């Protein structure tokens, strides 16, 4: 069960970054399966192809998304950036050397950066 949840989260994140690089049909199938929780049979009926066809599209889509990440690394960069921001926030919360005005200014800037990610 945990494996399926991890896979769903991984594919969802990859899809958020690279979904527009897939064909419209692949996008529709991935959204139906991972976001709308439809079965292969339901998707097949909705778009008029076989269950095996849906499965094949999903496999190719997942492979494509993973290849995009291997080449571009946007998800890894995003995660690294978020991790660094969280570490900076923790340092700022615990650093007694900063006065409250400077701390608030830095925290505001970090919040802005987080909001655009």
N, C-alpha and C. Protein backbone atom coordinates (compact mmCIF):
# COMPACT_ATOMS: atom_id res chain seq x y z
N UNK A 1 0.83 -1.20 0.00
CA UNK A 1 0.00 0.00 0.00
C UNK A 1 0.86 1.26 0.00
N UNK A 2 1.92 1.26 0.83
CA UNK A 2 2.81 2.42 0.89
C UNK A 2 3.52 2.62 -0.44
N UNK A 3 3.90 1.51 -1.10
CA UNK A 3 4.55 1.60 -2.41
C UNK A 3 3.64 2.32 -3.40
N UNK A 4 2.35 1.98 -3.42
CA UNK A 4 1.42 2.62 -4.35
C UNK A 4 1.25 4.09 -4.05
N UNK A 5 1.20 4.44 -2.76
CA UNK A 5 1.08 5.83 -2.37
C UNK A 5 2.32 6.61 -2.80
N UNK A 6 3.52 6.04 -2.56
CA UNK A 6 4.75 6.70 -2.97
C UNK A 6 4.81 6.87 -4.48
N UNK A 7 4.38 5.83 -5.21
CA UNK A 7 4.38 5.91 -6.67
C UNK A 7 3.42 6.99 -7.13
N UNK A 8 2.24 7.04 -6.54
CA UNK A 8 1.26 8.06 -6.91
C UNK A 8 1.80 9.46 -6.65
N UNK A 9 2.43 9.67 -5.49
CA UNK A 9 3.01 10.98 -5.18
C UNK A 9 4.13 11.33 -6.16
N UNK A 10 4.96 10.35 -6.47
CA UNK A 10 6.08 10.58 -7.39
C UNK A 10 5.55 10.96 -8.78
N UNK A 11 4.62 10.18 -9.30
CA UNK A 11 4.08 10.46 -10.64
C UNK A 11 3.33 11.79 -10.64
N UNK A 12 2.61 12.08 -9.57
CA UNK A 12 1.88 13.35 -9.50
C UNK A 12 2.83 14.53 -9.55
N UNK A 13 3.94 14.44 -8.82
CA UNK A 13 4.91 15.53 -8.83
C UNK A 13 5.57 15.66 -10.21
N UNK A 14 5.96 14.53 -10.78
CA UNK A 14 6.54 14.56 -12.12
C UNK A 14 5.55 15.14 -13.12
N UNK A 15 4.29 14.76 -12.99
CA UNK A 15 3.26 15.25 -13.91
C UNK A 15 3.07 16.75 -13.75
N UNK A 16 3.14 17.25 -12.51
CA UNK A 16 3.02 18.69 -12.29
C UNK A 16 4.11 19.46 -13.03
N UNK A 17 5.31 18.91 -13.06
CA UNK A 17 6.43 19.59 -13.70
C UNK A 17 6.47 19.36 -15.21
N UNK A 18 6.17 18.14 -15.64
CA UNK A 18 6.41 17.77 -17.04
C UNK A 18 5.16 17.33 -17.81
N UNK A 19 4.01 17.39 -17.19
CA UNK A 19 2.79 16.88 -17.81
C UNK A 19 2.48 17.49 -19.17
N UNK A 20 2.81 18.77 -19.33
CA UNK A 20 2.53 19.43 -20.60
C UNK A 20 3.39 18.91 -21.75
N UNK A 21 4.42 18.16 -21.42
CA UNK A 21 5.27 17.58 -22.47
C UNK A 21 4.70 16.27 -23.02
N UNK A 22 3.70 15.72 -22.33
CA UNK A 22 3.04 14.51 -22.81
C UNK A 22 1.99 14.88 -23.85
N UNK A 23 1.56 13.88 -24.62
CA UNK A 23 0.47 14.12 -25.57
C UNK A 23 -0.82 14.38 -24.79
N UNK A 24 -1.79 14.97 -25.44
CA UNK A 24 -3.09 15.24 -24.79
C UNK A 24 -3.73 13.95 -24.30
N UNK A 25 -3.60 12.89 -25.08
CA UNK A 25 -4.18 11.60 -24.70
C UNK A 25 -3.48 11.06 -23.45
N UNK A 26 -2.15 11.15 -23.43
CA UNK A 26 -1.40 10.69 -22.26
C UNK A 26 -1.78 11.53 -21.03
N UNK A 27 -1.89 12.83 -21.21
CA UNK A 27 -2.27 13.70 -20.10
C UNK A 27 -3.62 13.29 -19.53
N UNK A 28 -4.56 13.06 -20.42
CA UNK A 28 -5.91 12.67 -20.00
C UNK A 28 -5.90 11.35 -19.23
N UNK A 29 -5.14 10.39 -19.72
CA UNK A 29 -5.08 9.08 -19.07
C UNK A 29 -4.41 9.18 -17.70
N UNK A 30 -3.29 9.90 -17.63
CA UNK A 30 -2.59 10.06 -16.34
C UNK A 30 -3.49 10.78 -15.34
N UNK A 31 -4.14 11.84 -15.77
CA UNK A 31 -5.05 12.57 -14.87
C UNK A 31 -6.19 11.68 -14.40
N UNK A 32 -6.77 10.93 -15.31
CA UNK A 32 -7.88 10.05 -14.95
C UNK A 32 -7.46 8.99 -13.95
N UNK A 33 -6.29 8.43 -14.14
CA UNK A 33 -5.83 7.33 -13.30
C UNK A 33 -5.30 7.83 -11.95
N UNK A 34 -4.41 8.81 -11.97
CA UNK A 34 -3.75 9.23 -10.73
C UNK A 34 -4.51 10.31 -9.96
N UNK A 35 -5.22 11.18 -10.66
CA UNK A 35 -5.91 12.27 -9.98
C UNK A 35 -7.38 11.97 -9.72
N UNK A 36 -8.03 11.31 -10.69
CA UNK A 36 -9.46 11.03 -10.55
C UNK A 36 -9.74 9.62 -10.04
N UNK A 37 -8.67 8.84 -9.86
CA UNK A 37 -8.76 7.48 -9.30
C UNK A 37 -9.68 6.55 -10.09
N UNK A 38 -9.68 6.70 -11.42
CA UNK A 38 -10.47 5.81 -12.26
C UNK A 38 -9.67 4.53 -12.54
N UNK A 39 -10.38 3.44 -12.72
CA UNK A 39 -9.72 2.17 -13.05
C UNK A 39 -9.34 2.16 -14.53
N UNK A 40 -8.49 1.22 -14.89
CA UNK A 40 -8.11 1.07 -16.30
C UNK A 40 -9.34 0.83 -17.16
N UNK A 41 -10.25 -0.01 -16.67
CA UNK A 41 -11.47 -0.31 -17.42
C UNK A 41 -12.34 0.93 -17.61
N UNK A 42 -12.47 1.75 -16.56
CA UNK A 42 -13.27 2.97 -16.67
C UNK A 42 -12.66 3.95 -17.67
N UNK A 43 -11.35 4.09 -17.61
CA UNK A 43 -10.67 5.00 -18.55
C UNK A 43 -10.83 4.48 -19.98
N UNK A 44 -10.65 3.17 -20.14
CA UNK A 44 -10.78 2.56 -21.47
C UNK A 44 -12.16 2.82 -22.05
N UNK A 45 -13.18 2.66 -21.23
CA UNK A 45 -14.55 2.89 -21.69
C UNK A 45 -14.77 4.36 -22.05
N UNK A 46 -14.21 5.26 -21.23
CA UNK A 46 -14.40 6.70 -21.46
C UNK A 46 -13.75 7.19 -22.75
N UNK A 47 -12.58 6.64 -23.09
CA UNK A 47 -11.89 7.16 -24.27
C UNK A 47 -11.95 6.22 -25.47
N UNK A 48 -12.56 5.06 -25.29
CA UNK A 48 -12.80 4.17 -26.43
C UNK A 48 -11.59 3.38 -26.88
N UNK A 49 -10.74 2.96 -25.94
CA UNK A 49 -9.65 2.05 -26.29
C UNK A 49 -9.69 0.87 -25.32
N UNK A 50 -8.85 -0.11 -25.57
CA UNK A 50 -8.85 -1.29 -24.70
C UNK A 50 -8.20 -0.98 -23.36
N UNK A 51 -8.47 -1.84 -22.39
CA UNK A 51 -7.86 -1.73 -21.08
C UNK A 51 -6.33 -1.84 -21.22
N UNK A 52 -5.89 -2.75 -22.08
CA UNK A 52 -4.45 -2.92 -22.32
C UNK A 52 -3.85 -1.65 -22.95
N UNK A 53 -4.63 -1.01 -23.81
CA UNK A 53 -4.18 0.24 -24.41
C UNK A 53 -3.97 1.33 -23.36
N UNK A 54 -4.88 1.40 -22.40
CA UNK A 54 -4.74 2.37 -21.31
C UNK A 54 -3.49 2.05 -20.50
N UNK A 55 -3.31 0.79 -20.18
CA UNK A 55 -2.13 0.35 -19.42
C UNK A 55 -0.84 0.73 -20.15
N UNK A 56 -0.80 0.47 -21.45
CA UNK A 56 0.38 0.80 -22.25
C UNK A 56 0.65 2.31 -22.25
N UNK A 57 -0.41 3.10 -22.39
CA UNK A 57 -0.25 4.56 -22.35
C UNK A 57 0.29 5.01 -21.00
N UNK A 58 -0.23 4.43 -19.93
CA UNK A 58 0.26 4.78 -18.59
C UNK A 58 1.74 4.45 -18.44
N UNK A 59 2.13 3.27 -18.90
CA UNK A 59 3.53 2.85 -18.79
C UNK A 59 4.44 3.79 -19.57
N UNK A 60 4.05 4.10 -20.79
CA UNK A 60 4.86 5.01 -21.61
C UNK A 60 4.92 6.42 -21.00
N UNK A 61 3.80 6.86 -20.45
CA UNK A 61 3.75 8.18 -19.84
C UNK A 61 4.66 8.25 -18.62
N UNK A 62 4.60 7.24 -17.77
CA UNK A 62 5.46 7.20 -16.58
C UNK A 62 6.93 7.19 -16.99
N UNK A 63 7.26 6.39 -18.00
CA UNK A 63 8.63 6.31 -18.48
C UNK A 63 9.09 7.67 -19.01
N UNK A 64 8.23 8.32 -19.77
CA UNK A 64 8.57 9.64 -20.32
C UNK A 64 8.80 10.66 -19.20
N UNK A 65 7.91 10.67 -18.21
CA UNK A 65 8.05 11.61 -17.10
C UNK A 65 9.36 11.38 -16.35
N UNK A 66 9.69 10.13 -16.12
CA UNK A 66 10.95 9.81 -15.43
C UNK A 66 12.17 10.20 -16.27
N UNK A 67 12.07 10.02 -17.58
CA UNK A 67 13.18 10.43 -18.46
C UNK A 67 13.35 11.94 -18.47
N UNK A 68 12.25 12.68 -18.46
CA UNK A 68 12.34 14.14 -18.40
C UNK A 68 13.06 14.56 -17.11
N UNK A 69 12.71 13.92 -16.01
CA UNK A 69 13.34 14.26 -14.75
C UNK A 69 14.83 13.91 -14.76
N UNK A 70 15.17 12.77 -15.35
CA UNK A 70 16.59 12.39 -15.45
C UNK A 70 17.39 13.44 -16.23
N UNK A 71 16.79 13.97 -17.29
CA UNK A 71 17.49 14.93 -18.14
C UNK A 71 17.48 16.35 -17.56
N UNK A 72 16.36 16.76 -17.01
CA UNK A 72 16.21 18.14 -16.57
C UNK A 72 16.38 18.35 -15.06
N UNK A 73 15.97 17.38 -14.28
CA UNK A 73 16.15 17.44 -12.83
C UNK A 73 15.38 18.53 -12.11
N UNK A 74 14.27 18.97 -12.67
CA UNK A 74 13.53 20.07 -12.06
C UNK A 74 12.91 19.70 -10.71
N UNK A 75 12.43 18.48 -10.58
CA UNK A 75 11.83 18.05 -9.32
C UNK A 75 12.90 18.00 -8.23
N UNK A 76 14.05 17.46 -8.56
CA UNK A 76 15.15 17.40 -7.59
C UNK A 76 15.57 18.80 -7.17
N UNK A 77 15.71 19.70 -8.14
CA UNK A 77 16.09 21.08 -7.83
C UNK A 77 15.04 21.74 -6.94
N UNK A 78 13.78 21.50 -7.25
CA UNK A 78 12.69 22.06 -6.45
C UNK A 78 12.75 21.55 -5.01
N UNK A 79 12.94 20.24 -4.85
CA UNK A 79 13.01 19.66 -3.51
C UNK A 79 14.22 20.19 -2.75
N UNK A 80 15.36 20.30 -3.43
CA UNK A 80 16.56 20.83 -2.78
C UNK A 80 16.34 22.28 -2.33
N UNK A 81 15.73 23.07 -3.20
CA UNK A 81 15.46 24.47 -2.86
C UNK A 81 14.53 24.57 -1.66
N UNK A 82 13.47 23.78 -1.67
CA UNK A 82 12.52 23.79 -0.53
C UNK A 82 13.22 23.37 0.75
N UNK A 83 14.08 22.37 0.67
CA UNK A 83 14.80 21.90 1.84
C UNK A 83 15.71 23.00 2.38
N UNK A 84 16.42 23.69 1.49
CA UNK A 84 17.30 24.78 1.92
C UNK A 84 16.51 25.93 2.54
N UNK A 85 15.37 26.24 1.99
CA UNK A 85 14.53 27.29 2.56
C UNK A 85 14.09 26.89 3.97
N UNK A 86 13.66 25.66 4.14
CA UNK A 86 13.24 25.19 5.46
C UNK A 86 14.39 25.26 6.46
N UNK A 87 15.58 24.91 6.03
CA UNK A 87 16.75 24.99 6.92
C UNK A 87 17.05 26.43 7.30
N UNK A 88 16.95 27.34 6.33
CA UNK A 88 17.16 28.76 6.62
C UNK A 88 16.14 29.28 7.62
N UNK A 89 14.90 28.89 7.45
CA UNK A 89 13.86 29.31 8.38
C UNK A 89 14.17 28.84 9.80
N UNK A 90 14.61 27.61 9.91
CA UNK A 90 14.95 27.05 11.22
C UNK A 90 16.12 27.81 11.84
N UNK A 91 17.13 28.11 11.04
CA UNK A 91 18.27 28.88 11.54
C UNK A 91 17.82 30.25 12.02
N UNK A 92 16.96 30.90 11.24
CA UNK A 92 16.48 32.24 11.61
C UNK A 92 15.66 32.21 12.90
N UNK A 93 14.86 31.17 13.07
CA UNK A 93 14.06 31.07 14.29
C UNK A 93 14.94 30.92 15.53
N UNK A 94 16.07 30.27 15.35
CA UNK A 94 16.92 29.94 16.50
C UNK A 94 18.11 30.89 16.68
N UNK A 95 18.31 31.82 15.79
CA UNK A 95 19.46 32.72 15.87
C UNK A 95 19.11 33.95 16.70
N UNK A 96 19.76 34.07 17.83
CA UNK A 96 19.51 35.19 18.73
C UNK A 96 20.21 36.47 18.27
N UNK A 97 21.17 36.36 17.33
CA UNK A 97 21.95 37.50 16.90
C UNK A 97 21.13 38.48 16.04
N UNK A 98 20.13 37.98 15.36
CA UNK A 98 19.32 38.86 14.51
C UNK A 98 18.33 39.64 15.37
N UNK A 99 18.17 40.90 15.05
CA UNK A 99 17.12 41.62 15.75
C UNK A 99 15.78 41.30 15.07
N UNK A 100 14.70 41.64 15.71
CA UNK A 100 13.38 41.25 15.21
C UNK A 100 13.07 41.84 13.84
N UNK A 101 13.51 43.07 13.57
CA UNK A 101 13.24 43.69 12.26
C UNK A 101 13.94 42.92 11.15
N UNK A 102 15.21 42.61 11.34
CA UNK A 102 15.95 41.86 10.32
C UNK A 102 15.36 40.46 10.14
N UNK A 103 15.03 39.84 11.24
CA UNK A 103 14.45 38.49 11.18
C UNK A 103 13.16 38.50 10.38
N UNK A 104 12.30 39.48 10.64
CA UNK A 104 11.02 39.57 9.92
C UNK A 104 11.24 39.83 8.44
N UNK A 105 12.18 40.68 8.11
CA UNK A 105 12.48 40.97 6.71
C UNK A 105 12.96 39.72 5.98
N UNK A 106 13.86 38.98 6.59
CA UNK A 106 14.38 37.76 5.97
C UNK A 106 13.26 36.73 5.85
N UNK A 107 12.46 36.57 6.90
CA UNK A 107 11.35 35.61 6.87
C UNK A 107 10.35 35.98 5.77
N UNK A 108 10.07 37.28 5.62
CA UNK A 108 9.15 37.73 4.56
C UNK A 108 9.69 37.36 3.18
N UNK A 109 10.98 37.55 2.99
CA UNK A 109 11.58 37.20 1.71
C UNK A 109 11.52 35.69 1.46
N UNK A 110 11.77 34.91 2.49
CA UNK A 110 11.66 33.45 2.35
C UNK A 110 10.23 33.03 2.03
N UNK A 111 9.27 33.66 2.68
CA UNK A 111 7.86 33.36 2.40
C UNK A 111 7.51 33.70 0.95
N UNK A 112 8.04 34.81 0.47
CA UNK A 112 7.81 35.19 -0.93
C UNK A 112 8.38 34.14 -1.87
N UNK A 113 9.62 33.71 -1.62
CA UNK A 113 10.25 32.69 -2.45
C UNK A 113 9.42 31.41 -2.43
N UNK A 114 8.96 31.01 -1.25
CA UNK A 114 8.15 29.80 -1.15
C UNK A 114 6.84 29.93 -1.93
N UNK A 115 6.28 31.14 -1.92
CA UNK A 115 4.98 31.32 -2.58
C UNK A 115 5.08 31.20 -4.10
N UNK A 116 6.26 31.48 -4.66
CA UNK A 116 6.38 31.41 -6.11
C UNK A 116 6.88 30.06 -6.57
N UNK A 117 7.25 29.18 -5.65
CA UNK A 117 7.70 27.84 -6.03
C UNK A 117 6.54 26.96 -6.40
